[in-house]
């Protein structure tokens, strides 16, 4: 629904709708927010990425600040604490429920942001930490995980493969 509203609205009015999306991101950091709600929040956030380049950049900044478990851009920071958070949610919370709405929406939001990136001068190297996380912790073990809904298994796989495709294309400037 959000996607339909954004696509069919007057672009001049978009910037007035959500002058501050930070509260949506702040909710993602709470441990007691259920994965399905985190998934819905990220899906809503992804809808607004196309509103303006400024909102896209703001989304990246908030994602790094509140939600992103891997380093984007600056690879000199330690990955241990940040990766653990998302791995914990994936492996301990979602895997126990056999439902993965948070992880699927997380990868889809990343894919939306990466797809709108105009700066490809580094040929996607700034996303290598994200790629490694998705490959090692999400895509690699997907066949061993249990899924309450088989459709969710394939949504997860499609999101991962889309991410891999974008990463490979950015490597070769295709």
N, C-alpha and C. Protein backbone atom coordinates (compact mmCIF):
# COMPACT_ATOMS: atom_id res chain seq x y z
N UNK A 1 0.82 -1.19 0.00
CA UNK A 1 0.00 0.00 0.00
C UNK A 1 0.87 1.26 0.00
N UNK A 2 1.89 1.29 0.88
CA UNK A 2 2.78 2.46 0.93
C UNK A 2 3.42 2.72 -0.42
N UNK A 3 3.83 1.65 -1.09
CA UNK A 3 4.48 1.78 -2.39
C UNK A 3 3.53 2.44 -3.38
N UNK A 4 2.27 2.02 -3.39
CA UNK A 4 1.26 2.58 -4.29
C UNK A 4 1.06 4.07 -4.01
N UNK A 5 0.97 4.43 -2.75
CA UNK A 5 0.74 5.82 -2.37
C UNK A 5 1.91 6.69 -2.82
N UNK A 6 3.13 6.24 -2.58
CA UNK A 6 4.31 7.01 -2.96
C UNK A 6 4.40 7.15 -4.47
N UNK A 7 4.14 6.07 -5.21
CA UNK A 7 4.23 6.11 -6.67
C UNK A 7 3.20 7.06 -7.29
N UNK A 8 2.03 7.16 -6.70
CA UNK A 8 0.95 7.92 -7.30
C UNK A 8 0.76 9.32 -6.71
N UNK A 9 1.61 9.70 -5.82
CA UNK A 9 1.49 11.01 -5.19
C UNK A 9 2.26 12.07 -5.97
N UNK A 10 1.98 13.30 -5.63
CA UNK A 10 2.69 14.42 -6.23
C UNK A 10 4.10 14.48 -5.65
N UNK A 11 5.15 14.37 -6.48
CA UNK A 11 6.52 14.36 -5.96
C UNK A 11 6.88 15.61 -5.15
N UNK A 12 6.25 16.72 -5.43
CA UNK A 12 6.54 17.94 -4.70
C UNK A 12 6.07 17.82 -3.24
N UNK A 13 5.01 17.04 -3.01
CA UNK A 13 4.48 16.86 -1.66
C UNK A 13 5.24 15.82 -0.85
N UNK A 14 5.99 14.95 -1.49
CA UNK A 14 6.68 13.85 -0.80
C UNK A 14 7.52 14.33 0.37
N UNK A 15 8.29 15.37 0.15
CA UNK A 15 9.23 15.82 1.19
C UNK A 15 8.51 16.31 2.44
N UNK A 16 7.25 16.66 2.32
CA UNK A 16 6.49 17.14 3.48
C UNK A 16 5.85 16.00 4.29
N UNK A 17 5.79 14.81 3.71
CA UNK A 17 5.12 13.71 4.38
C UNK A 17 5.86 13.22 5.61
N UNK A 18 7.12 12.94 5.42
CA UNK A 18 7.93 12.38 6.50
C UNK A 18 9.22 13.15 6.61
N UNK A 19 9.16 14.31 7.24
CA UNK A 19 10.38 15.10 7.36
C UNK A 19 11.41 14.41 8.25
N UNK A 20 10.97 13.50 9.09
CA UNK A 20 11.90 12.81 9.97
C UNK A 20 11.48 11.35 10.10
N UNK A 21 12.27 10.46 9.52
CA UNK A 21 11.97 9.03 9.60
C UNK A 21 12.76 8.34 10.71
N UNK A 22 13.52 9.11 11.46
CA UNK A 22 14.35 8.53 12.51
C UNK A 22 13.55 7.71 13.53
N UNK A 23 12.36 8.12 13.95
CA UNK A 23 11.62 7.29 14.92
C UNK A 23 11.37 5.86 14.43
N UNK A 24 11.19 5.67 13.14
CA UNK A 24 11.00 4.31 12.62
C UNK A 24 12.24 3.47 12.87
N UNK A 25 13.40 4.08 12.68
CA UNK A 25 14.66 3.36 12.90
C UNK A 25 14.91 3.09 14.38
N UNK A 26 14.54 4.01 15.22
CA UNK A 26 14.79 3.84 16.66
C UNK A 26 14.06 2.62 17.21
N UNK A 27 12.92 2.30 16.65
CA UNK A 27 12.17 1.12 17.10
C UNK A 27 12.91 -0.17 16.76
N UNK A 28 13.73 -0.17 15.72
CA UNK A 28 14.42 -1.38 15.30
C UNK A 28 15.45 -1.86 16.32
N UNK A 29 15.93 -0.97 17.13
CA UNK A 29 16.96 -1.33 18.11
C UNK A 29 16.44 -1.99 19.36
N UNK A 30 15.15 -1.97 19.58
CA UNK A 30 14.60 -2.56 20.80
C UNK A 30 14.47 -4.07 20.66
N UNK A 31 14.98 -4.77 21.64
CA UNK A 31 14.96 -6.22 21.63
C UNK A 31 13.55 -6.78 21.71
N UNK A 32 12.65 -6.07 22.38
CA UNK A 32 11.29 -6.59 22.56
C UNK A 32 10.35 -6.25 21.39
N UNK A 33 10.85 -5.60 20.35
CA UNK A 33 10.04 -5.38 19.15
C UNK A 33 10.08 -6.68 18.35
N UNK A 34 8.93 -7.29 18.09
CA UNK A 34 8.92 -8.59 17.41
C UNK A 34 9.42 -8.49 15.96
N UNK A 35 9.99 -9.57 15.44
CA UNK A 35 10.53 -9.57 14.07
C UNK A 35 9.53 -9.15 13.00
N UNK A 36 8.27 -9.54 13.15
CA UNK A 36 7.29 -9.16 12.12
C UNK A 36 7.09 -7.64 12.09
N UNK A 37 7.18 -6.98 13.26
CA UNK A 37 7.05 -5.53 13.29
C UNK A 37 8.30 -4.87 12.71
N UNK A 38 9.47 -5.40 13.03
CA UNK A 38 10.70 -4.89 12.43
C UNK A 38 10.64 -5.03 10.91
N UNK A 39 10.11 -6.15 10.45
CA UNK A 39 9.95 -6.36 9.01
C UNK A 39 9.04 -5.32 8.39
N UNK A 40 7.93 -5.05 9.04
CA UNK A 40 6.99 -4.05 8.53
C UNK A 40 7.61 -2.66 8.53
N UNK A 41 8.37 -2.34 9.58
CA UNK A 41 9.03 -1.03 9.64
C UNK A 41 10.04 -0.86 8.51
N UNK A 42 10.86 -1.88 8.30
CA UNK A 42 11.85 -1.79 7.22
C UNK A 42 11.19 -1.72 5.85
N UNK A 43 10.09 -2.45 5.67
CA UNK A 43 9.37 -2.38 4.39
C UNK A 43 8.82 -0.97 4.16
N UNK A 44 8.31 -0.35 5.22
CA UNK A 44 7.82 1.03 5.09
C UNK A 44 8.96 1.98 4.78
N UNK A 45 10.08 1.82 5.46
CA UNK A 45 11.24 2.67 5.22
C UNK A 45 11.71 2.53 3.77
N UNK A 46 11.74 1.30 3.26
CA UNK A 46 12.19 1.06 1.88
C UNK A 46 11.32 1.79 0.87
N UNK A 47 10.05 1.92 1.18
CA UNK A 47 9.13 2.61 0.28
C UNK A 47 9.53 4.07 0.08
N UNK A 48 10.08 4.68 1.12
CA UNK A 48 10.39 6.10 1.05
C UNK A 48 11.79 6.41 0.53
N UNK A 49 12.57 5.40 0.23
CA UNK A 49 13.92 5.61 -0.29
C UNK A 49 13.86 6.38 -1.61
N UNK A 50 12.86 6.09 -2.42
CA UNK A 50 12.75 6.73 -3.74
C UNK A 50 12.26 8.17 -3.70
N UNK A 51 11.85 8.65 -2.55
CA UNK A 51 11.29 10.00 -2.45
C UNK A 51 12.28 11.06 -2.88
N UNK A 52 13.50 10.98 -2.38
CA UNK A 52 14.51 11.97 -2.76
C UNK A 52 15.90 11.43 -2.44
N UNK A 53 16.91 11.95 -3.11
CA UNK A 53 18.29 11.55 -2.79
C UNK A 53 18.65 11.89 -1.34
N UNK A 54 18.11 12.97 -0.83
CA UNK A 54 18.40 13.35 0.56
C UNK A 54 17.82 12.31 1.51
N UNK A 55 16.60 11.87 1.26
CA UNK A 55 15.98 10.86 2.12
C UNK A 55 16.72 9.53 2.00
N UNK A 56 17.22 9.20 0.82
CA UNK A 56 18.02 7.98 0.64
C UNK A 56 19.28 8.06 1.49
N UNK A 57 19.98 9.19 1.44
CA UNK A 57 21.19 9.35 2.24
C UNK A 57 20.89 9.32 3.73
N UNK A 58 19.77 9.93 4.12
CA UNK A 58 19.35 9.90 5.52
C UNK A 58 19.05 8.47 5.94
N UNK A 59 18.43 7.70 5.07
CA UNK A 59 18.12 6.31 5.37
C UNK A 59 19.40 5.52 5.60
N UNK A 60 20.40 5.71 4.74
CA UNK A 60 21.69 5.04 4.94
C UNK A 60 22.26 5.39 6.31
N UNK A 61 22.25 6.68 6.63
CA UNK A 61 22.83 7.13 7.89
C UNK A 61 22.12 6.50 9.09
N UNK A 62 20.80 6.52 9.07
CA UNK A 62 20.05 5.93 10.18
C UNK A 62 20.21 4.41 10.22
N UNK A 63 20.30 3.78 9.08
CA UNK A 63 20.50 2.34 9.03
C UNK A 63 21.82 1.98 9.69
N UNK A 64 22.86 2.73 9.37
CA UNK A 64 24.16 2.49 9.99
C UNK A 64 24.12 2.77 11.49
N UNK A 65 23.39 3.79 11.89
CA UNK A 65 23.35 4.21 13.29
C UNK A 65 22.52 3.28 14.16
N UNK A 66 21.36 2.84 13.66
CA UNK A 66 20.41 2.12 14.51
C UNK A 66 20.24 0.64 14.19
N UNK A 67 20.54 0.22 12.97
CA UNK A 67 20.08 -1.10 12.58
C UNK A 67 21.14 -1.97 11.93
N UNK A 68 22.00 -1.43 11.14
CA UNK A 68 22.86 -2.22 10.28
C UNK A 68 23.92 -2.97 11.07
N UNK A 69 23.97 -4.28 10.94
CA UNK A 69 24.89 -5.08 11.73
C UNK A 69 26.27 -5.22 11.11
N UNK A 70 26.48 -4.67 9.93
CA UNK A 70 27.79 -4.72 9.28
C UNK A 70 28.19 -3.31 8.87
N UNK A 71 29.46 -3.09 8.71
CA UNK A 71 29.97 -1.76 8.38
C UNK A 71 29.70 -1.46 6.91
N UNK A 72 29.16 -0.29 6.66
CA UNK A 72 28.97 0.19 5.29
C UNK A 72 29.91 1.36 5.09
N UNK A 73 30.77 1.24 4.12
CA UNK A 73 31.69 2.34 3.83
C UNK A 73 33.00 2.20 4.55
N UNK A 74 33.04 2.48 5.84
CA UNK A 74 34.28 2.49 6.61
C UNK A 74 34.56 1.09 7.13
N UNK A 75 35.54 0.40 6.54
CA UNK A 75 35.84 -0.98 6.92
C UNK A 75 36.86 -1.06 8.04
N UNK A 76 37.26 0.05 8.64
CA UNK A 76 38.23 0.02 9.72
C UNK A 76 37.58 -0.24 11.07
N UNK A 77 36.25 -0.15 11.14
CA UNK A 77 35.54 -0.40 12.39
C UNK A 77 35.45 -1.91 12.65
N UNK A 78 35.32 -2.27 13.90
CA UNK A 78 35.18 -3.67 14.28
C UNK A 78 33.81 -4.19 13.89
N UNK A 79 33.78 -5.40 13.35
CA UNK A 79 32.51 -5.99 12.93
C UNK A 79 31.89 -6.87 14.01
N UNK A 80 32.63 -7.27 15.01
CA UNK A 80 32.17 -8.30 15.93
C UNK A 80 30.86 -7.94 16.63
N UNK A 81 30.77 -6.82 17.26
CA UNK A 81 29.57 -6.45 17.99
C UNK A 81 28.40 -6.25 17.06
N UNK A 82 28.61 -5.53 15.96
CA UNK A 82 27.50 -5.23 15.07
C UNK A 82 26.96 -6.48 14.39
N UNK A 83 27.81 -7.36 13.89
CA UNK A 83 27.34 -8.57 13.22
C UNK A 83 26.61 -9.47 14.20
N UNK A 84 27.08 -9.52 15.44
CA UNK A 84 26.44 -10.38 16.44
C UNK A 84 24.96 -10.03 16.61
N UNK A 85 24.63 -8.78 16.61
CA UNK A 85 23.24 -8.38 16.82
C UNK A 85 22.30 -8.98 15.77
N UNK A 86 22.66 -8.85 14.52
CA UNK A 86 21.80 -9.38 13.47
C UNK A 86 21.85 -10.90 13.44
N UNK A 87 23.02 -11.46 13.67
CA UNK A 87 23.11 -12.92 13.71
C UNK A 87 22.27 -13.47 14.86
N UNK A 88 22.30 -12.80 16.00
CA UNK A 88 21.49 -13.25 17.13
C UNK A 88 20.02 -13.23 16.76
N UNK A 89 19.57 -12.14 16.17
CA UNK A 89 18.15 -12.06 15.79
C UNK A 89 17.80 -13.15 14.79
N UNK A 90 18.66 -13.37 13.81
CA UNK A 90 18.42 -14.38 12.78
C UNK A 90 18.44 -15.79 13.38
N UNK A 91 19.49 -16.10 14.10
CA UNK A 91 19.70 -17.48 14.56
C UNK A 91 18.98 -17.85 15.84
N UNK A 92 18.73 -16.88 16.70
CA UNK A 92 18.10 -17.20 17.98
C UNK A 92 16.62 -16.84 18.03
N UNK A 93 16.26 -15.72 17.48
CA UNK A 93 14.86 -15.28 17.59
C UNK A 93 14.04 -15.79 16.41
N UNK A 94 14.46 -15.44 15.20
CA UNK A 94 13.68 -15.85 14.03
C UNK A 94 13.74 -17.36 13.80
N UNK A 95 14.90 -17.96 13.95
CA UNK A 95 15.03 -19.40 13.70
C UNK A 95 14.16 -20.21 14.67
N UNK A 96 14.04 -19.76 15.90
CA UNK A 96 13.19 -20.47 16.87
C UNK A 96 11.71 -20.41 16.47
N UNK A 97 11.33 -19.29 15.87
CA UNK A 97 9.94 -19.14 15.42
C UNK A 97 9.72 -19.74 14.02
N UNK A 98 10.85 -20.01 13.35
CA UNK A 98 10.83 -20.51 11.97
C UNK A 98 10.17 -19.51 11.03
N UNK A 99 10.31 -18.23 11.36
CA UNK A 99 9.79 -17.12 10.55
C UNK A 99 10.88 -16.06 10.47
N UNK A 100 11.07 -15.46 9.28
CA UNK A 100 12.21 -14.59 9.04
C UNK A 100 11.84 -13.23 8.45
N UNK A 101 10.78 -12.59 8.94
CA UNK A 101 10.38 -11.31 8.34
C UNK A 101 11.40 -10.19 8.55
N UNK A 102 12.10 -10.20 9.66
CA UNK A 102 13.08 -9.15 9.93
C UNK A 102 14.27 -9.26 8.97
N UNK A 103 14.79 -10.47 8.80
CA UNK A 103 15.94 -10.67 7.93
C UNK A 103 15.57 -10.41 6.47
N UNK A 104 14.43 -10.88 6.04
CA UNK A 104 14.00 -10.64 4.65
C UNK A 104 13.87 -9.14 4.39
N UNK A 105 13.23 -8.44 5.29
CA UNK A 105 13.04 -6.99 5.08
C UNK A 105 14.36 -6.24 5.17
N UNK A 106 15.27 -6.72 6.01
CA UNK A 106 16.59 -6.12 6.14
C UNK A 106 17.33 -6.20 4.81
N UNK A 107 17.35 -7.37 4.21
CA UNK A 107 18.05 -7.54 2.93
C UNK A 107 17.34 -6.77 1.83
N UNK A 108 16.02 -6.78 1.83
CA UNK A 108 15.28 -6.02 0.81
C UNK A 108 15.53 -4.52 0.93
N UNK A 109 15.61 -4.01 2.16
CA UNK A 109 15.93 -2.59 2.35
C UNK A 109 17.33 -2.28 1.83
N UNK A 110 18.28 -3.13 2.16
CA UNK A 110 19.64 -2.94 1.64
C UNK A 110 19.64 -2.96 0.12
N UNK A 111 18.92 -3.91 -0.46
CA UNK A 111 18.86 -4.01 -1.92
C UNK A 111 18.26 -2.75 -2.54
N UNK A 112 17.23 -2.22 -1.91
CA UNK A 112 16.60 -0.99 -2.40
C UNK A 112 17.59 0.17 -2.36
N UNK A 113 18.31 0.28 -1.25
CA UNK A 113 19.29 1.36 -1.12
C UNK A 113 20.44 1.21 -2.11
N UNK A 114 20.95 0.00 -2.24
CA UNK A 114 22.08 -0.23 -3.16
C UNK A 114 21.65 0.00 -4.61
N UNK A 115 20.43 -0.39 -4.95
CA UNK A 115 19.94 -0.21 -6.32
C UNK A 115 19.85 1.27 -6.69
N UNK A 116 19.67 2.14 -5.70
CA UNK A 116 19.56 3.57 -5.99
C UNK A 116 20.89 4.31 -5.86
N UNK A 117 21.95 3.59 -5.54
CA UNK A 117 23.27 4.21 -5.40
C UNK A 117 23.76 4.70 -6.76
N UNK A 118 24.18 5.93 -6.79
CA UNK A 118 24.71 6.52 -8.03
C UNK A 118 26.24 6.44 -8.06
N UNK A 119 26.86 6.45 -6.89
CA UNK A 119 28.32 6.43 -6.80
C UNK A 119 28.81 4.99 -6.87
N UNK A 120 29.31 4.59 -8.03
CA UNK A 120 29.84 3.24 -8.21
C UNK A 120 31.35 3.27 -8.43
N UNK A 121 31.98 4.35 -8.00
CA UNK A 121 33.42 4.52 -8.23
C UNK A 121 34.25 3.45 -7.54
N UNK A 122 33.78 2.94 -6.41
CA UNK A 122 34.56 1.91 -5.72
C UNK A 122 34.15 0.50 -6.16
N UNK A 123 33.27 0.42 -7.16
CA UNK A 123 32.83 -0.85 -7.75
C UNK A 123 32.23 -1.79 -6.71
N UNK A 124 31.51 -1.20 -5.75
CA UNK A 124 30.78 -2.00 -4.77
C UNK A 124 31.60 -2.50 -3.59
N UNK A 125 32.85 -2.09 -3.47
CA UNK A 125 33.68 -2.59 -2.38
C UNK A 125 33.18 -2.16 -1.00
N UNK A 126 32.49 -1.03 -0.92
CA UNK A 126 32.00 -0.59 0.39
C UNK A 126 30.88 -1.49 0.91
N UNK A 127 30.32 -2.32 0.04
CA UNK A 127 29.25 -3.23 0.45
C UNK A 127 29.76 -4.64 0.73
N UNK A 128 31.07 -4.85 0.70
CA UNK A 128 31.61 -6.20 0.85
C UNK A 128 31.28 -6.81 2.22
N UNK A 129 31.24 -6.00 3.27
CA UNK A 129 30.87 -6.52 4.59
C UNK A 129 29.44 -7.03 4.61
N UNK A 130 28.54 -6.29 3.95
CA UNK A 130 27.14 -6.72 3.84
C UNK A 130 27.06 -8.02 3.06
N UNK A 131 27.77 -8.06 1.93
CA UNK A 131 27.79 -9.26 1.08
C UNK A 131 28.25 -10.47 1.89
N UNK A 132 29.33 -10.32 2.63
CA UNK A 132 29.88 -11.42 3.42
C UNK A 132 28.88 -11.88 4.48
N UNK A 133 28.25 -10.95 5.16
CA UNK A 133 27.25 -11.30 6.16
C UNK A 133 26.11 -12.10 5.52
N UNK A 134 25.58 -11.59 4.42
CA UNK A 134 24.45 -12.27 3.76
C UNK A 134 24.86 -13.65 3.25
N UNK A 135 26.04 -13.72 2.67
CA UNK A 135 26.51 -15.00 2.12
C UNK A 135 26.77 -16.02 3.23
N UNK A 136 27.52 -15.63 4.26
CA UNK A 136 27.94 -16.55 5.31
C UNK A 136 26.84 -16.91 6.31
N UNK A 137 26.00 -15.94 6.65
CA UNK A 137 25.07 -16.16 7.76
C UNK A 137 23.61 -16.29 7.36
N UNK A 138 23.27 -15.82 6.16
CA UNK A 138 21.87 -15.91 5.74
C UNK A 138 21.72 -16.95 4.63
N UNK A 139 22.44 -16.75 3.53
CA UNK A 139 22.27 -17.63 2.37
C UNK A 139 22.89 -19.01 2.59
N UNK A 140 24.11 -19.05 3.11
CA UNK A 140 24.80 -20.33 3.30
C UNK A 140 23.99 -21.35 4.07
N UNK A 141 23.49 -20.99 5.25
CA UNK A 141 22.75 -21.97 6.05
C UNK A 141 21.26 -22.08 5.73
N UNK A 142 20.76 -21.41 4.70
CA UNK A 142 19.31 -21.43 4.48
C UNK A 142 18.73 -22.83 4.29
N UNK A 143 19.43 -23.78 3.65
CA UNK A 143 18.80 -25.10 3.49
C UNK A 143 18.62 -25.86 4.81
N UNK A 144 19.45 -25.55 5.81
CA UNK A 144 19.36 -26.25 7.09
C UNK A 144 18.31 -25.66 8.03
N UNK A 145 17.81 -24.49 7.73
CA UNK A 145 16.83 -23.84 8.61
C UNK A 145 15.44 -24.41 8.38
N UNK A 146 14.64 -24.36 9.42
CA UNK A 146 13.23 -24.75 9.32
C UNK A 146 12.41 -23.50 9.00
N UNK A 147 11.34 -23.67 8.23
CA UNK A 147 10.49 -22.56 7.83
C UNK A 147 9.03 -22.93 8.07
N UNK A 148 8.33 -22.11 8.84
CA UNK A 148 6.91 -22.33 9.07
C UNK A 148 6.13 -22.16 7.77
N UNK A 149 6.58 -21.23 6.94
CA UNK A 149 5.95 -20.95 5.65
C UNK A 149 7.00 -21.16 4.56
N UNK A 150 6.83 -22.16 3.71
CA UNK A 150 7.83 -22.42 2.66
C UNK A 150 8.04 -21.22 1.73
N UNK A 151 7.03 -20.39 1.57
CA UNK A 151 7.18 -19.19 0.72
C UNK A 151 8.24 -18.26 1.30
N UNK A 152 8.33 -18.19 2.62
CA UNK A 152 9.30 -17.32 3.26
C UNK A 152 10.73 -17.77 2.97
N UNK A 153 10.92 -19.07 2.86
CA UNK A 153 12.23 -19.62 2.52
C UNK A 153 12.68 -19.04 1.17
N UNK A 154 11.79 -19.04 0.21
CA UNK A 154 12.16 -18.59 -1.13
C UNK A 154 12.22 -17.07 -1.20
N UNK A 155 11.46 -16.37 -0.39
CA UNK A 155 11.61 -14.91 -0.31
C UNK A 155 13.01 -14.55 0.19
N UNK A 156 13.47 -15.30 1.16
CA UNK A 156 14.81 -15.09 1.71
C UNK A 156 15.87 -15.37 0.65
N UNK A 157 15.72 -16.47 -0.05
CA UNK A 157 16.69 -16.84 -1.10
C UNK A 157 16.70 -15.80 -2.22
N UNK A 158 15.53 -15.36 -2.65
CA UNK A 158 15.44 -14.36 -3.73
C UNK A 158 16.10 -13.05 -3.31
N UNK A 159 15.86 -12.62 -2.09
CA UNK A 159 16.48 -11.38 -1.59
C UNK A 159 18.00 -11.52 -1.60
N UNK A 160 18.50 -12.67 -1.15
CA UNK A 160 19.95 -12.90 -1.14
C UNK A 160 20.51 -12.91 -2.56
N UNK A 161 19.87 -13.64 -3.45
CA UNK A 161 20.37 -13.73 -4.83
C UNK A 161 20.33 -12.37 -5.53
N UNK A 162 19.30 -11.59 -5.26
CA UNK A 162 19.23 -10.24 -5.83
C UNK A 162 20.41 -9.41 -5.33
N UNK A 163 20.72 -9.55 -4.04
CA UNK A 163 21.86 -8.82 -3.48
C UNK A 163 23.16 -9.26 -4.16
N UNK A 164 23.34 -10.57 -4.32
CA UNK A 164 24.55 -11.07 -4.96
C UNK A 164 24.65 -10.57 -6.40
N UNK A 165 23.54 -10.56 -7.10
CA UNK A 165 23.53 -10.08 -8.48
C UNK A 165 23.94 -8.61 -8.56
N UNK A 166 23.41 -7.79 -7.68
CA UNK A 166 23.78 -6.37 -7.68
C UNK A 166 25.25 -6.19 -7.34
N UNK A 167 25.75 -7.00 -6.43
CA UNK A 167 27.16 -6.90 -6.04
C UNK A 167 28.06 -7.27 -7.22
N UNK A 168 27.73 -8.34 -7.92
CA UNK A 168 28.54 -8.77 -9.07
C UNK A 168 28.47 -7.74 -10.19
N UNK A 169 27.29 -7.22 -10.46
CA UNK A 169 27.16 -6.21 -11.51
C UNK A 169 27.94 -4.96 -11.19
N UNK A 170 27.97 -4.55 -9.92
CA UNK A 170 28.72 -3.36 -9.56
C UNK A 170 30.23 -3.59 -9.67
N UNK A 171 30.66 -4.82 -9.49
CA UNK A 171 32.09 -5.15 -9.63
C UNK A 171 32.56 -4.93 -11.06
N UNK A 172 31.68 -5.20 -12.00
CA UNK A 172 32.05 -5.13 -13.40
C UNK A 172 31.44 -3.96 -14.14
N UNK A 173 30.82 -3.05 -13.42
CA UNK A 173 30.21 -1.85 -13.99
C UNK A 173 29.29 -2.18 -15.16
N UNK A 174 28.46 -3.20 -14.98
CA UNK A 174 27.52 -3.59 -16.04
C UNK A 174 26.20 -2.90 -15.87
